[in-house]
C-alpha atoms as a PDB file:
ATOM      1  CA  UNK A   1       0.000   0.000   0.000  1.00  0.00           C
ATOM      2  CA  UNK A   2       2.769   2.420   0.908  1.00  0.00           C
ATOM      3  CA  UNK A   3       4.689   1.586  -2.275  1.00  0.00           C
ATOM      4  CA  UNK A   4       1.587   2.256  -4.383  1.00  0.00           C
ATOM      5  CA  UNK A   5       1.019   5.556  -2.589  1.00  0.00           C
ATOM      6  CA  UNK A   6       4.651   6.506  -3.140  1.00  0.00           C
ATOM      7  CA  UNK A   7       4.488   5.626  -6.830  1.00  0.00           C
ATOM      8  CA  UNK A   8       1.668   8.155  -7.341  1.00  0.00           C
ATOM      9  CA  UNK A   9       2.892  10.794  -4.857  1.00  0.00           C
ATOM     10  CA  UNK A  10       4.237  13.096  -7.572  1.00  0.00           C
ATOM     11  CA  UNK A  11       0.868  13.091  -9.378  1.00  0.00           C
ATOM     12  CA  UNK A  12      -0.919  13.695  -6.092  1.00  0.00           C
ATOM     13  CA  UNK A  13       1.305  16.649  -5.180  1.00  0.00           C
ATOM     14  CA  UNK A  14       0.758  18.172  -8.631  1.00  0.00           C
ATOM     15  CA  UNK A  15      -3.007  17.988  -8.032  1.00  0.00           C
ATOM     16  CA  UNK A  16      -2.941  18.903  -4.330  1.00  0.00           C
ATOM     17  CA  UNK A  17      -0.629  21.935  -4.183  1.00  0.00           C
ATOM     18  CA  UNK A  18      -1.255  25.479  -5.323  1.00  0.00           C
ATOM     19  CA  UNK A  19       1.415  27.742  -6.824  1.00  0.00           C
ATOM     20  CA  UNK A  20       2.693  28.658  -3.358  1.00  0.00           C
ATOM     21  CA  UNK A  21       3.075  25.025  -2.263  1.00  0.00           C
ATOM     22  CA  UNK A  22       0.019  25.001   0.026  1.00  0.00           C
ATOM     23  CA  UNK A  23      -2.355  22.050  -0.047  1.00  0.00           C
ATOM     24  CA  UNK A  24      -5.974  22.175  -1.100  1.00  0.00           C
ATOM     25  CA  UNK A  25      -8.341  21.855   1.866  1.00  0.00           C
ATOM     26  CA  UNK A  26      -9.563  18.424   0.684  1.00  0.00           C
ATOM     27  CA  UNK A  27      -6.180  16.689   0.744  1.00  0.00           C
ATOM     28  CA  UNK A  28      -3.888  15.102   3.310  1.00  0.00           C
ATOM     29  CA  UNK A  29      -0.710  13.121   3.823  1.00  0.00           C
ATOM     30  CA  UNK A  30      -0.018  10.168   6.094  1.00  0.00           C
ATOM     31  CA  UNK A  31       3.425  10.700   7.597  1.00  0.00           C
ATOM     32  CA  UNK A  32       5.799   8.539   9.676  1.00  0.00           C
ATOM     33  CA  UNK A  33       7.355  10.240  12.715  1.00  0.00           C
ATOM     34  CA  UNK A  34       9.989   8.759  14.999  1.00  0.00           C
ATOM     35  CA  UNK A  35       9.104   9.100  18.680  1.00  0.00           C
ATOM     36  CA  UNK A  36      11.465   9.674  21.588  1.00  0.00           C
ATOM     37  CA  UNK A  37      11.011   6.048  22.749  1.00  0.00           C
ATOM     38  CA  UNK A  38      12.025   4.629  19.349  1.00  0.00           C
ATOM     39  CA  UNK A  39       8.557   3.942  17.989  1.00  0.00           C
ATOM     40  CA  UNK A  40       7.253   5.037  14.619  1.00  0.00           C
ATOM     41  CA  UNK A  41       3.908   6.802  14.598  1.00  0.00           C
ATOM     42  CA  UNK A  42       2.165   7.082  11.237  1.00  0.00           C
ATOM     43  CA  UNK A  43      -0.457   9.812  11.319  1.00  0.00           C
ATOM     44  CA  UNK A  44      -2.460  12.039   8.977  1.00  0.00           C
ATOM     45  CA  UNK A  45      -1.307  15.616   8.383  1.00  0.00           C
ATOM     46  CA  UNK A  46      -3.665  18.192   6.833  1.00  0.00           C
ATOM     47  CA  UNK A  47      -3.375  20.893   5.691  1.00  0.00           C
ATOM     48  CA  UNK A  48       0.274  20.917   4.654  1.00  0.00           C
ATOM     49  CA  UNK A  49       2.772  23.084   2.779  1.00  0.00           C
ATOM     50  CA  UNK A  50       5.750  22.028   0.671  1.00  0.00           C
ATOM     51  CA  UNK A  51       8.953  24.021   1.187  1.00  0.00           C
ATOM     52  CA  UNK A  52      12.341  23.734  -0.520  1.00  0.00           C
ATOM     53  CA  UNK A  53      13.661  21.501   2.262  1.00  0.00           C
ATOM     54  CA  UNK A  54      10.532  19.487   3.174  1.00  0.00           C
ATOM     55  CA  UNK A  55       7.015  19.950   4.447  1.00  0.00           C
ATOM     56  CA  UNK A  56       5.121  21.447   7.367  1.00  0.00           C
ATOM     57  CA  UNK A  57       1.544  20.699   8.329  1.00  0.00           C
ATOM     58  CA  UNK A  58      -0.953  20.195  11.111  1.00  0.00           C
ATOM     59  CA  UNK A  59      -1.586  16.851  12.783  1.00  0.00           C
ATOM     60  CA  UNK A  60      -5.077  15.834  11.666  1.00  0.00           C
ATOM     61  CA  UNK A  61      -5.786  13.430  14.506  1.00  0.00           C
ATOM     62  CA  UNK A  62      -4.561  12.670  18.029  1.00  0.00           C
ATOM     63  CA  UNK A  63      -1.208  10.873  18.127  1.00  0.00           C
ATOM     64  CA  UNK A  64      -0.861   7.824  20.361  1.00  0.00           C
ATOM     65  CA  UNK A  65       2.902   7.953  20.983  1.00  0.00           C
ATOM     66  CA  UNK A  66       3.996  11.475  20.083  1.00  0.00           C
ATOM     67  CA  UNK A  67       3.907  14.254  22.688  1.00  0.00           C
ATOM     68  CA  UNK A  68       2.049  16.483  20.209  1.00  0.00           C
ATOM     69  CA  UNK A  69      -1.702  17.008  19.972  1.00  0.00           C
ATOM     70  CA  UNK A  70      -4.052  17.188  17.001  1.00  0.00           C
ATOM     71  CA  UNK A  71      -3.761  20.570  15.318  1.00  0.00           C
ATOM     72  CA  UNK A  72      -0.092  21.092  16.198  1.00  0.00           C
ATOM     73  CA  UNK A  73       2.416  22.078  13.539  1.00  0.00           C
ATOM     74  CA  UNK A  74       4.923  19.408  12.491  1.00  0.00           C
ATOM     75  CA  UNK A  75       7.833  19.367  10.039  1.00  0.00           C
ATOM     76  CA  UNK A  76       8.784  16.348   7.945  1.00  0.00           C
ATOM     77  CA  UNK A  77      10.897  15.224   5.017  1.00  0.00           C
ATOM     78  CA  UNK A  78       9.414  13.868   1.774  1.00  0.00           C
ATOM     79  CA  UNK A  79      10.697  10.358   2.557  1.00  0.00           C
ATOM     80  CA  UNK A  80       8.477  10.263   5.669  1.00  0.00           C
ATOM     81  CA  UNK A  81       5.292  10.339   3.551  1.00  0.00           C
ATOM     82  CA  UNK A  82       3.510   6.959   3.566  1.00  0.00           C
ATOM     83  CA  UNK A  83       0.106   7.698   2.011  1.00  0.00           C
ATOM     84  CA  UNK A  84      -2.107  10.480   0.690  1.00  0.00           C
ATOM     85  CA  UNK A  85      -5.759  11.290   0.097  1.00  0.00           C
ATOM     86  CA  UNK A  86      -7.657  13.596  -2.197  1.00  0.00           C
ATOM     87  CA  UNK A  87     -11.391  14.216  -2.311  1.00  0.00           C
ATOM     88  CA  UNK A  88     -12.520  14.140  -5.925  1.00  0.00           C
ATOM     89  CA  UNK A  89     -15.177  16.222  -7.590  1.00  0.00           C
ATOM     90  CA  UNK A  90     -17.458  13.203  -7.160  1.00  0.00           C
ATOM     91  CA  UNK A  91     -17.128  13.526  -3.366  1.00  0.00           C
ATOM     92  CA  UNK A  92     -15.196  10.239  -3.126  1.00  0.00           C
ATOM     93  CA  UNK A  93     -11.818   9.808  -1.461  1.00  0.00           C
ATOM     94  CA  UNK A  94      -8.941   8.832  -3.751  1.00  0.00           C
ATOM     95  CA  UNK A  95      -5.647   7.492  -2.476  1.00  0.00           C
ATOM     96  CA  UNK A  96      -5.928   6.209   1.110  1.00  0.00           C
ATOM     97  CA  UNK A  97      -4.021   3.108   0.049  1.00  0.00           C
ATOM     98  CA  UNK A  98      -3.329   2.063   3.662  1.00  0.00           C
ATOM     99  CA  UNK A  99      -6.989   2.486   4.614  1.00  0.00           C
ATOM    100  CA  UNK A 100      -8.002   0.212   1.736  1.00  0.00           C
ATOM    101  CA  UNK A 101      -5.696  -2.520   3.064  1.00  0.00           C
ATOM    102  CA  UNK A 102      -7.050  -2.159   6.607  1.00  0.00           C
ATOM    103  CA  UNK A 103     -10.665  -2.713   5.499  1.00  0.00           C
ATOM    104  CA  UNK A 104     -10.173  -6.476   5.783  1.00  0.00           C
ATOM    105  CA  UNK A 105      -9.314  -6.070   9.499  1.00  0.00           C
ATOM    106  CA  UNK A 106     -12.374  -3.968  10.356  1.00  0.00           C
ATOM    107  CA  UNK A 107     -15.836  -4.999  11.385  1.00  0.00           C
ATOM    108  CA  UNK A 108     -18.090  -5.478   8.348  1.00  0.00           C
ATOM    109  CA  UNK A 109     -20.232  -2.468   9.284  1.00  0.00           C
ATOM    110  CA  UNK A 110     -17.246  -0.134   9.686  1.00  0.00           C
ATOM    111  CA  UNK A 111     -15.595  -1.421   6.496  1.00  0.00           C
ATOM    112  CA  UNK A 112     -18.823  -0.922   4.519  1.00  0.00           C
ATOM    113  CA  UNK A 113     -19.188   2.641   5.824  1.00  0.00           C
ATOM    114  CA  UNK A 114     -15.639   3.466   4.722  1.00  0.00           C
ATOM    115  CA  UNK A 115     -16.054   1.723   1.355  1.00  0.00           C
ATOM    116  CA  UNK A 116     -19.067   3.964   0.672  1.00  0.00           C
ATOM    117  CA  UNK A 117     -16.759   6.976   1.000  1.00  0.00           C
ATOM    118  CA  UNK A 118     -13.758   5.606  -0.944  1.00  0.00           C
ATOM    119  CA  UNK A 119     -13.470   5.811  -4.710  1.00  0.00           C
ATOM    120  CA  UNK A 120     -13.617   2.484  -6.504  1.00  0.00           C
ATOM    121  CA  UNK A 121     -10.066   2.882  -7.843  1.00  0.00           C
ATOM    122  CA  UNK A 122      -7.410   4.652  -5.748  1.00  0.00           C
ATOM    123  CA  UNK A 123      -6.320   6.974  -8.593  1.00  0.00           C
ATOM    124  CA  UNK A 124      -8.569   9.442 -10.435  1.00  0.00           C
ATOM    125  CA  UNK A 125      -9.307   8.444 -14.046  1.00  0.00           C
ATOM    126  CA  UNK A 126      -7.709  11.658 -15.290  1.00  0.00           C
ATOM    127  CA  UNK A 127      -4.258  10.630 -13.992  1.00  0.00           C
END
């Protein structure tokens, strides 16, 4: 899932970023952060901005192992990106490769609710 997300990251960034490097409001990145105790926390960041030397963004949900809180500003390198999402004009979520893999581990009701929100294919037809 992460390899597939990485393979389409360039296309995603072309669609997600404006001329100043800021993300559209309907996009996000899943990013791996190393914690002080040696763990890796992979968490959604939205909105985000690309800079010459990396990215900054806001944590989109509460971390489990990081000392930060949702809404706090974080900095990360491009190689820390593990996944991405983009809401299409059809209202469906594209990308979310890791979420698609996790559907098999969820309760049927939860998986069905998420499937109703996900696009059928992870990449928009126009890519």
